[in-house]
ModelCIF file with pLDDT and N, C-alpha, C, O atoms, coordinates in Angstrom:
data_MODEL
#
_entry.id   MODEL 
#
_entity.id                         1 
_entity.type                       polymer 
_entity.pdbx_number_of_molecules   1 
#
_entity_poly.entity_id                      1 
_entity_poly.type                           'polypeptide(L)' 
_entity_poly.nstd_linkage                   no 
_entity_poly.nstd_monomer                   no 
_entity_poly.pdbx_seq_one_letter_code       LTREAFTLLGERMADRILLVMAFIGEMPVAGALNFIGPDALYGRYWGA 
_entity_poly.pdbx_seq_one_letter_code_can   LTREAFTLLGERMADRILLVMAFIGEMPVAGALNFIGPDALYGRYWGA 
_entity_poly.pdbx_strand_id                 A 
#
loop_
_entity_poly_seq.entity_id 
_entity_poly_seq.num 
_entity_poly_seq.mon_id 
_entity_poly_seq.hetero 
1 1  LEU n 
1 2  THR n 
1 3  ARG n 
1 4  GLU n 
1 5  ALA n 
1 6  PHE n 
1 7  THR n 
1 8  LEU n 
1 9  LEU n 
1 10 GLY n 
1 11 GLU n 
1 12 ARG n 
1 13 MET n 
1 14 ALA n 
1 15 ASP n 
1 16 ARG n 
1 17 ILE n 
1 18 LEU n 
1 19 LEU n 
1 20 VAL n 
1 21 MET n 
1 22 ALA n 
1 23 PHE n 
1 24 ILE n 
1 25 GLY n 
1 26 GLU n 
1 27 MET n 
1 28 PRO n 
1 29 VAL n 
1 30 ALA n 
1 31 GLY n 
1 32 ALA n 
1 33 LEU n 
1 34 ASN n 
1 35 PHE n 
1 36 ILE n 
1 37 GLY n 
1 38 PRO n 
1 39 ASP n 
1 40 ALA n 
1 41 LEU n 
1 42 TYR n 
1 43 GLY n 
1 44 ARG n 
1 45 TYR n 
1 46 TRP n 
1 47 GLY n 
1 48 ALA n 
#
_struct_asym.id          A 
_struct_asym.entity_id   1 
#
loop_
_ma_qa_metric.id 
_ma_qa_metric.mode 
_ma_qa_metric.name 
_ma_qa_metric.software_group_id 
_ma_qa_metric.type 
1 global pLDDT . pLDDT 
2 local  pLDDT . pLDDT 
#
_ma_qa_metric_global.metric_id      1 
_ma_qa_metric_global.metric_value   96.81 
_ma_qa_metric_global.model_id       1 
_ma_qa_metric_global.ordinal_id     1 
#
loop_
_ma_qa_metric_local.label_asym_id 
_ma_qa_metric_local.label_comp_id 
_ma_qa_metric_local.label_seq_id 
_ma_qa_metric_local.metric_id 
_ma_qa_metric_local.metric_value 
_ma_qa_metric_local.model_id 
_ma_qa_metric_local.ordinal_id 
A LEU 1  2 94.00 1 1  
A THR 2  2 95.00 1 2  
A ARG 3  2 95.00 1 3  
A GLU 4  2 97.00 1 4  
A ALA 5  2 97.00 1 5  
A PHE 6  2 97.00 1 6  
A THR 7  2 97.00 1 7  
A LEU 8  2 98.00 1 8  
A LEU 9  2 98.00 1 9  
A GLY 10 2 97.00 1 10 
A GLU 11 2 97.00 1 11 
A ARG 12 2 97.00 1 12 
A MET 13 2 98.00 1 13 
A ALA 14 2 97.00 1 14 
A ASP 15 2 98.00 1 15 
A ARG 16 2 98.00 1 16 
A ILE 17 2 98.00 1 17 
A LEU 18 2 98.00 1 18 
A LEU 19 2 98.00 1 19 
A VAL 20 2 98.00 1 20 
A MET 21 2 98.00 1 21 
A ALA 22 2 98.00 1 22 
A PHE 23 2 98.00 1 23 
A ILE 24 2 97.00 1 24 
A GLY 25 2 96.00 1 25 
A GLU 26 2 95.00 1 26 
A MET 27 2 97.00 1 27 
A PRO 28 2 97.00 1 28 
A VAL 29 2 97.00 1 29 
A ALA 30 2 97.00 1 30 
A GLY 31 2 97.00 1 31 
A ALA 32 2 97.00 1 32 
A LEU 33 2 97.00 1 33 
A ASN 34 2 98.00 1 34 
A PHE 35 2 98.00 1 35 
A ILE 36 2 98.00 1 36 
A GLY 37 2 97.00 1 37 
A PRO 38 2 97.00 1 38 
A ASP 39 2 97.00 1 39 
A ALA 40 2 98.00 1 40 
A LEU 41 2 98.00 1 41 
A TYR 42 2 98.00 1 42 
A GLY 43 2 97.00 1 43 
A ARG 44 2 95.00 1 44 
A TYR 45 2 93.00 1 45 
A TRP 46 2 93.00 1 46 
A GLY 47 2 93.00 1 47 
A ALA 48 2 94.00 1 48 
#
loop_
_atom_site.group_PDB 
_atom_site.id 
_atom_site.type_symbol 
_atom_site.label_atom_id 
_atom_site.label_alt_id 
_atom_site.label_comp_id 
_atom_site.label_asym_id 
_atom_site.label_entity_id 
_atom_site.label_seq_id 
_atom_site.pdbx_PDB_ins_code 
_atom_site.Cartn_x 
_atom_site.Cartn_y 
_atom_site.Cartn_z 
_atom_site.occupancy 
_atom_site.B_iso_or_equiv 
_atom_site.pdbx_formal_charge 
_atom_site.auth_seq_id 
_atom_site.auth_comp_id 
_atom_site.auth_asym_id 
_atom_site.auth_atom_id 
_atom_site.pdbx_PDB_model_num 
ATOM 1   N N  . LEU A 1 1  ? -0.950  5.464   12.241  1.00 94.00 ? 1  LEU A N  1 
ATOM 2   C CA . LEU A 1 1  ? -0.146  6.333   11.357  1.00 94.00 ? 1  LEU A CA 1 
ATOM 3   C C  . LEU A 1 1  ? -0.865  7.618   10.910  1.00 94.00 ? 1  LEU A C  1 
ATOM 4   O O  . LEU A 1 1  ? -2.066  7.564   10.647  1.00 94.00 ? 1  LEU A O  1 
ATOM 5   N N  . THR A 1 2  ? -0.272  8.617   10.827  1.00 95.00 ? 2  THR A N  1 
ATOM 6   C CA . THR A 1 2  ? -0.749  9.799   10.182  1.00 95.00 ? 2  THR A CA 1 
ATOM 7   C C  . THR A 1 2  ? -0.664  9.708   8.821   1.00 95.00 ? 2  THR A C  1 
ATOM 8   O O  . THR A 1 2  ? 0.129   8.949   8.265   1.00 95.00 ? 2  THR A O  1 
ATOM 9   N N  . ARG A 1 3  ? -1.671  10.661  8.058   1.00 95.00 ? 3  ARG A N  1 
ATOM 10  C CA . ARG A 1 3  ? -1.555  10.710  6.650   1.00 95.00 ? 3  ARG A CA 1 
ATOM 11  C C  . ARG A 1 3  ? -0.117  11.052  6.037   1.00 95.00 ? 3  ARG A C  1 
ATOM 12  O O  . ARG A 1 3  ? 0.265   10.606  4.956   1.00 95.00 ? 3  ARG A O  1 
ATOM 13  N N  . GLU A 1 4  ? 0.585   11.847  6.810   1.00 97.00 ? 4  GLU A N  1 
ATOM 14  C CA . GLU A 1 4  ? 2.097   12.202  6.384   1.00 97.00 ? 4  GLU A CA 1 
ATOM 15  C C  . GLU A 1 4  ? 2.862   10.879  6.161   1.00 97.00 ? 4  GLU A C  1 
ATOM 16  O O  . GLU A 1 4  ? 3.727   10.786  5.290   1.00 97.00 ? 4  GLU A O  1 
ATOM 17  N N  . ALA A 1 5  ? 2.540   9.921   6.925   1.00 97.00 ? 5  ALA A N  1 
ATOM 18  C CA . ALA A 1 5  ? 3.469   8.891   7.079   1.00 97.00 ? 5  ALA A CA 1 
ATOM 19  C C  . ALA A 1 5  ? 3.417   8.064   5.659   1.00 97.00 ? 5  ALA A C  1 
ATOM 20  O O  . ALA A 1 5  ? 4.428   7.556   5.176   1.00 97.00 ? 5  ALA A O  1 
ATOM 21  N N  . PHE A 1 6  ? 2.063   7.986   5.020   1.00 97.00 ? 6  PHE A N  1 
ATOM 22  C CA . PHE A 1 6  ? 2.119   7.271   3.870   1.00 97.00 ? 6  PHE A CA 1 
ATOM 23  C C  . PHE A 1 6  ? 2.679   8.073   2.682   1.00 97.00 ? 6  PHE A C  1 
ATOM 24  O O  . PHE A 1 6  ? 3.229   7.472   1.759   1.00 97.00 ? 6  PHE A O  1 
ATOM 25  N N  . THR A 1 7  ? 2.565   9.320   2.676   1.00 97.00 ? 7  THR A N  1 
ATOM 26  C CA . THR A 1 7  ? 3.339   10.123  1.733   1.00 97.00 ? 7  THR A CA 1 
ATOM 27  C C  . THR A 1 7  ? 4.725   9.879   1.689   1.00 97.00 ? 7  THR A C  1 
ATOM 28  O O  . THR A 1 7  ? 5.313   9.690   0.624   1.00 97.00 ? 7  THR A O  1 
ATOM 29  N N  . LEU A 1 8  ? 5.373   9.871   2.974   1.00 98.00 ? 8  LEU A N  1 
ATOM 30  C CA . LEU A 1 8  ? 6.710   9.705   3.038   1.00 98.00 ? 8  LEU A CA 1 
ATOM 31  C C  . LEU A 1 8  ? 7.198   8.348   2.631   1.00 98.00 ? 8  LEU A C  1 
ATOM 32  O O  . LEU A 1 8  ? 8.202   8.195   1.935   1.00 98.00 ? 8  LEU A O  1 
ATOM 33  N N  . LEU A 1 9  ? 6.364   7.245   3.141   1.00 98.00 ? 9  LEU A N  1 
ATOM 34  C CA . LEU A 1 9  ? 6.619   5.933   2.766   1.00 98.00 ? 9  LEU A CA 1 
ATOM 35  C C  . LEU A 1 9  ? 6.639   5.803   1.220   1.00 98.00 ? 9  LEU A C  1 
ATOM 36  O O  . LEU A 1 9  ? 7.472   5.120   0.624   1.00 98.00 ? 9  LEU A O  1 
ATOM 37  N N  . GLY A 1 10 ? 5.688   6.487   0.640   1.00 97.00 ? 10 GLY A N  1 
ATOM 38  C CA . GLY A 1 10 ? 5.558   6.390   -0.794  1.00 97.00 ? 10 GLY A CA 1 
ATOM 39  C C  . GLY A 1 10 ? 6.782   6.964   -1.572  1.00 97.00 ? 10 GLY A C  1 
ATOM 40  O O  . GLY A 1 10 ? 7.249   6.468   -2.597  1.00 97.00 ? 10 GLY A O  1 
ATOM 41  N N  . GLU A 1 11 ? 7.255   8.133   -0.906  1.00 97.00 ? 11 GLU A N  1 
ATOM 42  C CA . GLU A 1 11 ? 8.351   8.905   -1.561  1.00 97.00 ? 11 GLU A CA 1 
ATOM 43  C C  . GLU A 1 11 ? 9.805   8.069   -1.375  1.00 97.00 ? 11 GLU A C  1 
ATOM 44  O O  . GLU A 1 11 ? 10.719  8.102   -2.199  1.00 97.00 ? 11 GLU A O  1 
ATOM 45  N N  . ARG A 1 12 ? 9.814   7.398   -0.254  1.00 97.00 ? 12 ARG A N  1 
ATOM 46  C CA . ARG A 1 12 ? 11.214  6.715   0.075   1.00 97.00 ? 12 ARG A CA 1 
ATOM 47  C C  . ARG A 1 12 ? 11.239  5.293   -0.180  1.00 97.00 ? 12 ARG A C  1 
ATOM 48  O O  . ARG A 1 12 ? 12.313  4.703   -0.298  1.00 97.00 ? 12 ARG A O  1 
ATOM 49  N N  . MET A 1 13 ? 9.988   4.633   -0.284  1.00 98.00 ? 13 MET A N  1 
ATOM 50  C CA . MET A 1 13 ? 10.011  3.087   -0.429  1.00 98.00 ? 13 MET A CA 1 
ATOM 51  C C  . MET A 1 13 ? 9.092   2.436   -1.372  1.00 98.00 ? 13 MET A C  1 
ATOM 52  O O  . MET A 1 13 ? 8.706   1.269   -1.310  1.00 98.00 ? 13 MET A O  1 
ATOM 53  N N  . ALA A 1 14 ? 8.705   3.550   -2.482  1.00 97.00 ? 14 ALA A N  1 
ATOM 54  C CA . ALA A 1 14 ? 7.723   2.971   -3.383  1.00 97.00 ? 14 ALA A CA 1 
ATOM 55  C C  . ALA A 1 14 ? 8.039   1.566   -4.065  1.00 97.00 ? 14 ALA A C  1 
ATOM 56  O O  . ALA A 1 14 ? 7.143   0.788   -4.395  1.00 97.00 ? 14 ALA A O  1 
ATOM 57  N N  . ASP A 1 15 ? 9.346   1.323   -4.236  1.00 98.00 ? 15 ASP A N  1 
ATOM 58  C CA . ASP A 1 15 ? 9.745   0.042   -4.869  1.00 98.00 ? 15 ASP A CA 1 
ATOM 59  C C  . ASP A 1 15 ? 9.690   -1.086  -4.049  1.00 98.00 ? 15 ASP A C  1 
ATOM 60  O O  . ASP A 1 15 ? 9.808   -2.246  -4.444  1.00 98.00 ? 15 ASP A O  1 
ATOM 61  N N  . ARG A 1 16 ? 9.479   -0.663  -2.709  1.00 98.00 ? 16 ARG A N  1 
ATOM 62  C CA . ARG A 1 16 ? 9.433   -1.898  -1.875  1.00 98.00 ? 16 ARG A CA 1 
ATOM 63  C C  . ARG A 1 16 ? 7.930   -1.960  -1.240  1.00 98.00 ? 16 ARG A C  1 
ATOM 64  O O  . ARG A 1 16 ? 7.652   -2.575  -0.211  1.00 98.00 ? 16 ARG A O  1 
ATOM 65  N N  . ILE A 1 17 ? 7.128   -1.309  -1.936  1.00 98.00 ? 17 ILE A N  1 
ATOM 66  C CA . ILE A 1 17 ? 5.586   -1.290  -1.597  1.00 98.00 ? 17 ILE A CA 1 
ATOM 67  C C  . ILE A 1 17 ? 4.690   -1.960  -2.692  1.00 98.00 ? 17 ILE A C  1 
ATOM 68  O O  . ILE A 1 17 ? 4.925   -1.669  -3.865  1.00 98.00 ? 17 ILE A O  1 
ATOM 69  N N  . LEU A 1 18 ? 3.691   -2.829  -2.401  1.00 98.00 ? 18 LEU A N  1 
ATOM 70  C CA . LEU A 1 18 ? 2.831   -3.258  -3.182  1.00 98.00 ? 18 LEU A CA 1 
ATOM 71  C C  . LEU A 1 18 ? 1.381   -2.893  -2.615  1.00 98.00 ? 18 LEU A C  1 
ATOM 72  O O  . LEU A 1 18 ? 0.901   -3.387  -1.595  1.00 98.00 ? 18 LEU A O  1 
ATOM 73  N N  . LEU A 1 19 ? 0.802   -2.017  -3.382  1.00 98.00 ? 19 LEU A N  1 
ATOM 74  C CA . LEU A 1 19 ? -0.638  -1.624  -3.087  1.00 98.00 ? 19 LEU A CA 1 
ATOM 75  C C  . LEU A 1 19 ? -1.595  -2.236  -3.928  1.00 98.00 ? 19 LEU A C  1 
ATOM 76  O O  . LEU A 1 19 ? -1.786  -1.756  -5.045  1.00 98.00 ? 19 LEU A O  1 
ATOM 77  N N  . VAL A 1 20 ? -2.277  -3.315  -3.513  1.00 98.00 ? 20 VAL A N  1 
ATOM 78  C CA . VAL A 1 20 ? -3.287  -3.916  -4.170  1.00 98.00 ? 20 VAL A CA 1 
ATOM 79  C C  . VAL A 1 20 ? -4.728  -3.254  -3.936  1.00 98.00 ? 20 VAL A C  1 
ATOM 80  O O  . VAL A 1 20 ? -5.252  -3.212  -2.823  1.00 98.00 ? 20 VAL A O  1 
ATOM 81  N N  . MET A 1 21 ? -5.258  -2.790  -4.993  1.00 98.00 ? 21 MET A N  1 
ATOM 82  C CA . MET A 1 21 ? -6.468  -1.895  -4.840  1.00 98.00 ? 21 MET A CA 1 
ATOM 83  C C  . MET A 1 21 ? -7.648  -2.538  -5.877  1.00 98.00 ? 21 MET A C  1 
ATOM 84  O O  . MET A 1 21 ? -7.381  -2.945  -7.008  1.00 98.00 ? 21 MET A O  1 
ATOM 85  N N  . ALA A 1 22 ? -8.899  -2.551  -5.320  1.00 98.00 ? 22 ALA A N  1 
ATOM 86  C CA . ALA A 1 22 ? -9.985  -2.851  -6.239  1.00 98.00 ? 22 ALA A CA 1 
ATOM 87  C C  . ALA A 1 22 ? -10.534 -1.487  -6.553  1.00 98.00 ? 22 ALA A C  1 
ATOM 88  O O  . ALA A 1 22 ? -10.493 -0.508  -5.808  1.00 98.00 ? 22 ALA A O  1 
ATOM 89  N N  . PHE A 1 23 ? -11.094 -1.561  -7.851  1.00 98.00 ? 23 PHE A N  1 
ATOM 90  C CA . PHE A 1 23 ? -11.605 -0.414  -8.481  1.00 98.00 ? 23 PHE A CA 1 
ATOM 91  C C  . PHE A 1 23 ? -13.061 -0.811  -9.019  1.00 98.00 ? 23 PHE A C  1 
ATOM 92  O O  . PHE A 1 23 ? -13.319 -1.948  -9.414  1.00 98.00 ? 23 PHE A O  1 
ATOM 93  N N  . ILE A 1 24 ? -13.886 0.125   -8.998  1.00 97.00 ? 24 ILE A N  1 
ATOM 94  C CA . ILE A 1 24 ? -15.309 0.202   -9.769  1.00 97.00 ? 24 ILE A CA 1 
ATOM 95  C C  . ILE A 1 24 ? -15.104 1.200   -10.788 1.00 97.00 ? 24 ILE A C  1 
ATOM 96  O O  . ILE A 1 24 ? -15.291 2.347   -10.382 1.00 97.00 ? 24 ILE A O  1 
ATOM 97  N N  . GLY A 1 25 ? -14.746 1.079   -12.095 1.00 96.00 ? 25 GLY A N  1 
ATOM 98  C CA . GLY A 1 25 ? -14.466 1.950   -12.966 1.00 96.00 ? 25 GLY A CA 1 
ATOM 99  C C  . GLY A 1 25 ? -13.210 2.572   -12.456 1.00 96.00 ? 25 GLY A C  1 
ATOM 100 O O  . GLY A 1 25 ? -12.319 1.808   -12.086 1.00 96.00 ? 25 GLY A O  1 
ATOM 101 N N  . GLU A 1 26 ? -13.028 3.845   -12.390 1.00 95.00 ? 26 GLU A N  1 
ATOM 102 C CA . GLU A 1 26 ? -11.654 4.469   -11.870 1.00 95.00 ? 26 GLU A CA 1 
ATOM 103 C C  . GLU A 1 26 ? -11.829 4.824   -10.434 1.00 95.00 ? 26 GLU A C  1 
ATOM 104 O O  . GLU A 1 26 ? -10.946 5.492   -9.894  1.00 95.00 ? 26 GLU A O  1 
ATOM 105 N N  . MET A 1 27 ? -12.891 4.442   -9.749  1.00 97.00 ? 27 MET A N  1 
ATOM 106 C CA . MET A 1 27 ? -12.922 4.820   -8.372  1.00 97.00 ? 27 MET A CA 1 
ATOM 107 C C  . MET A 1 27 ? -12.510 3.644   -7.528  1.00 97.00 ? 27 MET A C  1 
ATOM 108 O O  . MET A 1 27 ? -13.109 2.569   -7.573  1.00 97.00 ? 27 MET A O  1 
ATOM 109 N N  . PRO A 1 28 ? -11.475 3.878   -6.760  1.00 97.00 ? 28 PRO A N  1 
ATOM 110 C CA . PRO A 1 28 ? -10.897 2.857   -5.821  1.00 97.00 ? 28 PRO A CA 1 
ATOM 111 C C  . PRO A 1 28 ? -11.834 2.585   -4.567  1.00 97.00 ? 28 PRO A C  1 
ATOM 112 O O  . PRO A 1 28 ? -12.255 3.531   -3.901  1.00 97.00 ? 28 PRO A O  1 
ATOM 113 N N  . VAL A 1 29 ? -12.108 1.437   -4.303  1.00 97.00 ? 29 VAL A N  1 
ATOM 114 C CA . VAL A 1 29 ? -13.103 1.104   -3.215  1.00 97.00 ? 29 VAL A CA 1 
ATOM 115 C C  . VAL A 1 29 ? -12.561 0.208   -2.123  1.00 97.00 ? 29 VAL A C  1 
ATOM 116 O O  . VAL A 1 29 ? -13.206 -0.045  -1.105  1.00 97.00 ? 29 VAL A O  1 
ATOM 117 N N  . ALA A 1 30 ? -11.467 -0.217  -2.348  1.00 97.00 ? 30 ALA A N  1 
ATOM 118 C CA . ALA A 1 30 ? -10.773 -1.042  -1.167  1.00 97.00 ? 30 ALA A CA 1 
ATOM 119 C C  . ALA A 1 30 ? -9.245  -1.249  -1.529  1.00 97.00 ? 30 ALA A C  1 
ATOM 120 O O  . ALA A 1 30 ? -8.890  -1.191  -2.706  1.00 97.00 ? 30 ALA A O  1 
ATOM 121 N N  . GLY A 1 31 ? -8.427  -1.468  -0.599  1.00 97.00 ? 31 GLY A N  1 
ATOM 122 C CA . GLY A 1 31 ? -7.005  -1.783  -0.780  1.00 97.00 ? 31 GLY A CA 1 
ATOM 123 C C  . GLY A 1 31 ? -6.433  -2.420  0.292   1.00 97.00 ? 31 GLY A C  1 
ATOM 124 O O  . GLY A 1 31 ? -6.870  -2.340  1.440   1.00 97.00 ? 31 GLY A O  1 
ATOM 125 N N  . ALA A 1 32 ? -5.364  -3.121  -0.081  1.00 97.00 ? 32 ALA A N  1 
ATOM 126 C CA . ALA A 1 32 ? -4.514  -3.865  0.930   1.00 97.00 ? 32 ALA A CA 1 
ATOM 127 C C  . ALA A 1 32 ? -3.005  -3.299  0.679   1.00 97.00 ? 32 ALA A C  1 
ATOM 128 O O  . ALA A 1 32 ? -2.540  -3.224  -0.458  1.00 97.00 ? 32 ALA A O  1 
ATOM 129 N N  . LEU A 1 33 ? -2.320  -2.927  1.784   1.00 97.00 ? 33 LEU A N  1 
ATOM 130 C CA . LEU A 1 33 ? -1.005  -2.405  1.716   1.00 97.00 ? 33 LEU A CA 1 
ATOM 131 C C  . LEU A 1 33 ? 0.036   -3.495  2.089   1.00 97.00 ? 33 LEU A C  1 
ATOM 132 O O  . LEU A 1 33 ? 0.010   -3.976  3.222   1.00 97.00 ? 33 LEU A O  1 
ATOM 133 N N  . ASN A 1 34 ? 0.932   -3.890  1.192   1.00 98.00 ? 34 ASN A N  1 
ATOM 134 C CA . ASN A 1 34 ? 1.897   -4.920  1.481   1.00 98.00 ? 34 ASN A CA 1 
ATOM 135 C C  . ASN A 1 34 ? 3.370   -4.174  1.314   1.00 98.00 ? 34 ASN A C  1 
ATOM 136 O O  . ASN A 1 34 ? 3.548   -3.179  0.613   1.00 98.00 ? 34 ASN A O  1 
ATOM 137 N N  . PHE A 1 35 ? 4.464   -4.894  2.151   1.00 98.00 ? 35 PHE A N  1 
ATOM 138 C CA . PHE A 1 35 ? 5.730   -4.415  1.795   1.00 98.00 ? 35 PHE A CA 1 
ATOM 139 C C  . PHE A 1 35 ? 6.596   -5.640  1.303   1.00 98.00 ? 35 PHE A C  1 
ATOM 140 O O  . PHE A 1 35 ? 6.475   -6.763  1.793   1.00 98.00 ? 35 PHE A O  1 
ATOM 141 N N  . ILE A 1 36 ? 7.449   -5.337  0.326   1.00 98.00 ? 36 ILE A N  1 
ATOM 142 C CA . ILE A 1 36 ? 8.284   -6.451  -0.009  1.00 98.00 ? 36 ILE A CA 1 
ATOM 143 C C  . ILE A 1 36 ? 9.595   -6.559  0.482   1.00 98.00 ? 36 ILE A C  1 
ATOM 144 O O  . ILE A 1 36 ? 10.379  -5.613  0.408   1.00 98.00 ? 36 ILE A O  1 
ATOM 145 N N  . GLY A 1 37 ? 9.901   -7.680  0.995   1.00 97.00 ? 37 GLY A N  1 
ATOM 146 C CA . GLY A 1 37 ? 11.196  -8.079  1.821   1.00 97.00 ? 37 GLY A CA 1 
ATOM 147 C C  . GLY A 1 37 ? 11.895  -8.857  0.811   1.00 97.00 ? 37 GLY A C  1 
ATOM 148 O O  . GLY A 1 37 ? 11.394  -9.172  -0.268  1.00 97.00 ? 37 GLY A O  1 
ATOM 149 N N  . PRO A 1 38 ? 13.209  -9.191  1.240   1.00 97.00 ? 38 PRO A N  1 
ATOM 150 C CA . PRO A 1 38 ? 14.142  -10.106 0.222   1.00 97.00 ? 38 PRO A CA 1 
ATOM 151 C C  . PRO A 1 38 ? 13.701  -11.333 0.157   1.00 97.00 ? 38 PRO A C  1 
ATOM 152 O O  . PRO A 1 38 ? 14.089  -12.054 -0.763  1.00 97.00 ? 38 PRO A O  1 
ATOM 153 N N  . ASP A 1 39 ? 12.848  -11.782 1.074   1.00 97.00 ? 39 ASP A N  1 
ATOM 154 C CA . ASP A 1 39 ? 12.395  -13.189 1.137   1.00 97.00 ? 39 ASP A CA 1 
ATOM 155 C C  . ASP A 1 39 ? 10.728  -13.508 1.386   1.00 97.00 ? 39 ASP A C  1 
ATOM 156 O O  . ASP A 1 39 ? 10.133  -14.582 1.289   1.00 97.00 ? 39 ASP A O  1 
ATOM 157 N N  . ALA A 1 40 ? 10.209  -12.145 1.747   1.00 98.00 ? 40 ALA A N  1 
ATOM 158 C CA . ALA A 1 40 ? 8.761   -12.402 2.180   1.00 98.00 ? 40 ALA A CA 1 
ATOM 159 C C  . ALA A 1 40 ? 8.044   -11.157 1.806   1.00 98.00 ? 40 ALA A C  1 
ATOM 160 O O  . ALA A 1 40 ? 8.595   -10.056 1.805   1.00 98.00 ? 40 ALA A O  1 
ATOM 161 N N  . LEU A 1 41 ? 6.770   -11.365 1.481   1.00 98.00 ? 41 LEU A N  1 
ATOM 162 C CA . LEU A 1 41 ? 5.787   -10.249 1.408   1.00 98.00 ? 41 LEU A CA 1 
ATOM 163 C C  . LEU A 1 41 ? 4.925   -10.226 2.650   1.00 98.00 ? 41 LEU A C  1 
ATOM 164 O O  . LEU A 1 41 ? 4.269   -11.173 3.084   1.00 98.00 ? 41 LEU A O  1 
ATOM 165 N N  . TYR A 1 42 ? 5.032   -8.832  3.237   1.00 98.00 ? 42 TYR A N  1 
ATOM 166 C CA . TYR A 1 42 ? 4.458   -8.532  4.434   1.00 98.00 ? 42 TYR A CA 1 
ATOM 167 C C  . TYR A 1 42 ? 3.093   -7.693  4.263   1.00 98.00 ? 42 TYR A C  1 
ATOM 168 O O  . TYR A 1 42 ? 3.026   -6.526  3.878   1.00 98.00 ? 42 TYR A O  1 
ATOM 169 N N  . GLY A 1 43 ? 2.100   -8.465  4.601   1.00 97.00 ? 43 GLY A N  1 
ATOM 170 C CA . GLY A 1 43 ? 0.727   -7.728  4.497   1.00 97.00 ? 43 GLY A CA 1 
ATOM 171 C C  . GLY A 1 43 ? 0.586   -6.927  5.804   1.00 97.00 ? 43 GLY A C  1 
ATOM 172 O O  . GLY A 1 43 ? 0.841   -7.409  6.908   1.00 97.00 ? 43 GLY A O  1 
ATOM 173 N N  . ARG A 1 44 ? 0.131   -5.581  5.582   1.00 95.00 ? 44 ARG A N  1 
ATOM 174 C CA . ARG A 1 44 ? -0.019  -4.726  6.634   1.00 95.00 ? 44 ARG A CA 1 
ATOM 175 C C  . ARG A 1 44 ? -1.287  -4.136  6.836   1.00 95.00 ? 44 ARG A C  1 
ATOM 176 O O  . ARG A 1 44 ? -1.910  -4.479  7.841   1.00 95.00 ? 44 ARG A O  1 
ATOM 177 N N  . TYR A 1 45 ? -1.771  -3.328  6.079   1.00 93.00 ? 45 TYR A N  1 
ATOM 178 C CA . TYR A 1 45 ? -3.257  -2.713  6.323   1.00 93.00 ? 45 TYR A CA 1 
ATOM 179 C C  . TYR A 1 45 ? -4.026  -2.953  5.206   1.00 93.00 ? 45 TYR A C  1 
ATOM 180 O O  . TYR A 1 45 ? -3.677  -3.153  4.042   1.00 93.00 ? 45 TYR A O  1 
ATOM 181 N N  . TRP A 1 46 ? -5.498  -2.892  5.886   1.00 93.00 ? 46 TRP A N  1 
ATOM 182 C CA . TRP A 1 46 ? -6.504  -3.030  4.528   1.00 93.00 ? 46 TRP A CA 1 
ATOM 183 C C  . TRP A 1 46 ? -7.618  -2.173  4.920   1.00 93.00 ? 46 TRP A C  1 
ATOM 184 O O  . TRP A 1 46 ? -7.725  -1.842  6.100   1.00 93.00 ? 46 TRP A O  1 
ATOM 185 N N  . GLY A 1 47 ? -8.409  -1.805  4.093   1.00 93.00 ? 47 GLY A N  1 
ATOM 186 C CA . GLY A 1 47 ? -9.629  -1.106  4.259   1.00 93.00 ? 47 GLY A CA 1 
ATOM 187 C C  . GLY A 1 47 ? -10.547 -0.977  3.022   1.00 93.00 ? 47 GLY A C  1 
ATOM 188 O O  . GLY A 1 47 ? -10.031 -1.220  1.931   1.00 93.00 ? 47 GLY A O  1 
ATOM 189 N N  . ALA A 1 48 ? -11.909 -0.608  3.069   1.00 94.00 ? 48 ALA A N  1 
ATOM 190 C CA . ALA A 1 48 ? -12.690 -0.589  1.976   1.00 94.00 ? 48 ALA A CA 1 
ATOM 191 C C  . ALA A 1 48 ? -13.876 0.623   2.305   1.00 94.00 ? 48 ALA A C  1 
ATOM 192 O O  . ALA A 1 48 ? -14.748 0.875   1.473   1.00 94.00 ? 48 ALA A O  1 
#
């Protein structure tokens, strides 16, 4: 995915996205991207 893809997904589907992020203070150090379906949570990408 390109960087622009995440911007567009955030603009169009934010209510169907769950971003789980780990912070040290206010600095994000890791995250996992999930999508919310009608009956399932879909884990997609992670990084740190």
